[in-house]
Amino acid sequence: MNKEYVMVMVKIVLLSVIAAVILGALYIPTQAQLKVYQEEQKQLSLKIVNPDADHFEPVKSGEETLYYLAFDAGNNLIGYCFFHDQPGSQGTITLAGGVDTGYTVTGVKIMAHSETPGLGAKITEESFTGQFPGVAEDDLMLSKDGGAIDAITGATVSSVAVIDGLHAAMNEIKANE
């Protein structure tokens, strides 16, 4: 083997090791910052989906948070908030939701999705999510089925997924009350 060839290989390996060490060193503090940011976003979302709440307390099963209790300034329970993953048309829809103690929706926020741009992605728009506050659990279905929610034209599956996600989260709360 040529000595020059060996030297080039040593330099490439050395540069690769240095790059890996730098990336590893940056990864750990970045992950910590990312977790702080994600928790801040969760807290902001809780306030959006239950704007009358003063503070929230998590209900846990082991390390997992199942949902949050929402309290007013007088420390009275006024509702529940949750994060739920629901299968949509193109992938998982992660939503934040809030309901009062009678299971009337107080708010909905789509946290993440992979729905079709221009169609299913409209689940994030106020014209869709704005329909939910004030809707009782029994009316939480599409208007074509006698409910209070108008589906997004061309994205019925995504619309139904959000509704189904809300129902699933409410059922989980009821099962753990």
Protein backbone atom coordinates (compact mmCIF):
# COMPACT_ATOMS: atom_id res chain seq x y z
CA MET A 1 0.00 0.00 0.00
CA ASN A 2 1.15 3.46 -0.80
CA LYS A 3 2.20 5.56 2.23
CA GLU A 4 0.31 8.56 0.89
CA TYR A 5 -2.86 6.51 0.62
CA VAL A 6 -2.52 5.37 4.25
CA MET A 7 -2.00 8.98 5.42
CA VAL A 8 -5.15 10.10 3.59
CA MET A 9 -7.14 7.31 5.24
CA VAL A 10 -5.77 8.20 8.69
CA LYS A 11 -6.77 11.85 8.16
CA ILE A 12 -10.27 10.86 7.06
CA VAL A 13 -10.73 8.58 10.07
CA LEU A 14 -9.35 11.25 12.41
CA LEU A 15 -11.71 13.90 10.98
CA SER A 16 -14.63 11.50 11.32
CA VAL A 17 -13.82 10.81 14.96
CA ILE A 18 -13.48 14.54 15.71
CA ALA A 19 -16.81 15.26 13.99
CA ALA A 20 -18.50 12.46 15.96
CA VAL A 21 -17.15 13.79 19.27
CA ILE A 22 -18.33 17.32 18.46
CA LEU A 23 -21.80 16.10 17.44
CA GLY A 24 -22.07 13.98 20.58
CA ALA A 25 -21.01 16.89 22.76
CA LEU A 26 -23.64 19.16 21.19
CA TYR A 27 -26.42 16.56 21.21
CA ILE A 28 -26.79 16.26 24.99
CA PRO A 29 -27.31 19.97 25.84
CA THR A 30 -29.51 20.41 22.77
CA GLN A 31 -31.77 17.57 23.88
CA ALA A 32 -32.13 19.15 27.32
CA GLN A 33 -33.11 22.47 25.74
CA LEU A 34 -35.53 20.71 23.41
CA LYS A 35 -37.28 19.01 26.34
CA VAL A 36 -37.64 22.36 28.14
CA TYR A 37 -39.09 23.92 24.98
CA GLN A 38 -41.52 21.02 24.48
CA GLU A 39 -42.73 21.31 28.08
CA GLU A 40 -43.23 25.07 27.66
CA GLN A 41 -45.28 24.40 24.52
CA LYS A 42 -47.40 21.85 26.39
CA GLN A 43 -48.11 24.34 29.17
CA LEU A 44 -49.09 27.02 26.64
CA SER A 45 -51.34 24.52 24.86
CA LEU A 46 -53.09 23.61 28.11
CA LYS A 47 -53.96 27.28 28.60
CA ILE A 48 -55.22 27.54 25.01
CA VAL A 49 -57.53 24.52 25.30
CA ASN A 50 -58.86 25.54 28.72
CA PRO A 51 -58.50 29.34 28.91
CA ASP A 52 -60.49 29.68 32.15
CA ALA A 53 -58.02 27.52 34.08
CA ASP A 54 -55.57 29.13 36.47
CA HIS A 55 -53.36 26.07 36.89
CA PHE A 56 -53.11 22.41 35.94
CA GLU A 57 -52.14 19.25 37.80
CA PRO A 58 -51.09 16.09 35.97
CA VAL A 59 -52.82 12.77 36.62
CA LYS A 60 -50.19 10.08 36.21
CA SER A 61 -49.94 6.35 35.92
CA GLY A 62 -46.37 5.60 36.92
CA GLU A 63 -44.21 8.03 34.93
CA GLU A 64 -46.80 8.57 32.21
CA THR A 65 -49.10 11.60 32.36
CA LEU A 66 -52.61 10.47 31.44
CA TYR A 67 -54.29 13.90 31.48
CA TYR A 68 -54.39 17.14 33.47
CA LEU A 69 -56.88 18.46 35.98
CA ALA A 70 -57.75 22.11 35.32
CA PHE A 71 -58.39 24.37 38.33
CA ASP A 72 -59.62 27.94 38.61
CA ALA A 73 -58.00 30.57 40.86
CA GLY A 74 -60.08 29.33 43.81
CA ASN A 75 -58.60 25.84 43.35
CA ASN A 76 -61.95 24.44 42.13
CA LEU A 77 -61.85 21.69 39.50
CA ILE A 78 -63.26 23.19 36.31
CA GLY A 79 -62.24 20.57 33.76
CA TYR A 80 -59.68 18.32 32.18
CA CYS A 81 -57.00 18.75 29.53
CA PHE A 82 -55.17 16.12 27.55
CA PHE A 83 -52.80 15.33 24.73
CA HIS A 84 -53.83 12.49 22.47
CA ASP A 85 -52.36 10.74 19.41
CA GLN A 86 -54.97 9.63 16.89
CA PRO A 87 -54.47 7.92 13.52
CA GLY A 88 -55.41 10.28 10.70
CA SER A 89 -55.57 9.95 6.94
CA GLN A 90 -51.82 10.27 6.34
CA GLY A 91 -50.35 9.53 9.77
CA THR A 92 -50.71 10.37 13.41
CA ILE A 93 -52.52 13.51 14.54
CA THR A 94 -51.38 14.81 17.94
CA LEU A 95 -53.99 17.03 19.52
CA ALA A 96 -54.43 18.95 22.73
CA GLY A 97 -57.95 19.17 24.06
CA GLY A 98 -59.85 20.54 26.98
CA VAL A 99 -63.27 19.81 28.41
CA ASP A 100 -65.19 21.11 31.40
CA THR A 101 -66.43 18.81 34.16
CA GLY A 102 -69.61 18.12 32.16
CA TYR A 103 -67.48 17.06 29.15
CA THR A 104 -68.29 20.08 27.01
CA VAL A 105 -65.29 20.98 24.87
CA THR A 106 -63.40 24.10 25.99
CA GLY A 107 -60.80 24.03 23.22
CA VAL A 108 -58.83 22.03 20.68
CA LYS A 109 -55.34 22.59 19.31
CA ILE A 110 -53.62 20.40 16.73
CA MET A 111 -50.04 19.96 17.94
CA ALA A 112 -48.65 17.89 15.06
CA HIS A 113 -49.89 16.06 11.98
CA SER A 114 -48.82 14.75 8.60
CA GLU A 115 -52.12 15.27 6.78
CA THR A 116 -52.27 16.33 3.13
CA PRO A 117 -51.36 20.01 2.61
CA GLY A 118 -54.39 21.98 1.44
CA LEU A 119 -56.84 19.29 2.53
CA GLY A 120 -56.40 17.42 5.80
CA ALA A 121 -53.89 19.99 6.99
CA LYS A 122 -56.84 22.40 7.37
CA ILE A 123 -57.53 20.70 10.72
CA THR A 124 -55.11 23.25 12.18
CA GLU A 125 -57.13 26.24 10.96
CA GLU A 126 -59.38 28.26 13.25
CA SER A 127 -62.30 27.68 10.87
CA PHE A 128 -62.16 24.01 11.93
CA THR A 129 -60.86 24.06 15.52
CA GLY A 130 -63.06 27.06 16.36
CA GLN A 131 -66.16 24.87 15.98
CA PHE A 132 -65.32 22.77 19.05
CA PRO A 133 -65.55 25.09 22.08
CA GLY A 134 -68.99 24.82 23.64
CA VAL A 135 -69.84 21.50 21.98
CA ALA A 136 -71.23 18.90 24.38
CA GLU A 137 -69.88 15.36 24.21
CA ASP A 138 -73.16 14.02 22.77
CA ASP A 139 -73.01 16.56 19.90
CA LEU A 140 -69.35 15.85 19.14
CA MET A 141 -69.82 14.34 15.68
CA LEU A 142 -70.05 15.56 12.12
CA SER A 143 -73.09 17.66 11.21
CA LYS A 144 -74.02 15.15 8.48
CA ASP A 145 -74.47 12.63 11.32
CA GLY A 146 -76.53 15.04 13.45
CA GLY A 147 -73.63 16.61 15.31
CA ALA A 148 -72.22 20.10 15.64
CA ILE A 149 -68.98 19.81 13.63
CA ASP A 150 -68.70 20.58 9.92
CA ALA A 151 -66.15 18.35 8.17
CA ILE A 152 -63.43 19.85 6.05
CA THR A 153 -64.42 19.40 2.41
CA GLY A 154 -62.30 16.64 0.93
CA ALA A 155 -60.84 15.72 4.32
CA THR A 156 -63.59 13.85 6.13
CA VAL A 157 -61.14 11.24 7.44
CA SER A 158 -58.99 13.91 9.09
CA SER A 159 -62.05 15.65 10.52
CA VAL A 160 -63.38 12.41 11.96
CA ALA A 161 -59.94 11.57 13.36
CA VAL A 162 -59.93 14.75 15.46
CA ILE A 163 -63.43 13.98 16.75
CA ASP A 164 -62.49 10.36 17.48
CA GLY A 165 -59.37 11.55 19.29
CA LEU A 166 -61.44 13.80 21.54
CA HIS A 167 -63.85 10.97 22.32
CA ALA A 168 -60.99 8.56 23.07
CA ALA A 169 -59.35 11.05 25.43
CA MET A 170 -62.65 11.74 27.21
CA ASN A 171 -63.21 8.01 27.65
CA GLU A 172 -59.73 7.63 29.14
CA ILE A 173 -60.44 10.43 31.61
CA LYS A 174 -63.76 8.85 32.61
CA ALA A 175 -62.06 5.48 33.08
CA ASN A 176 -59.48 7.02 35.44
CA GLU A 177 -61.65 9.46 37.43
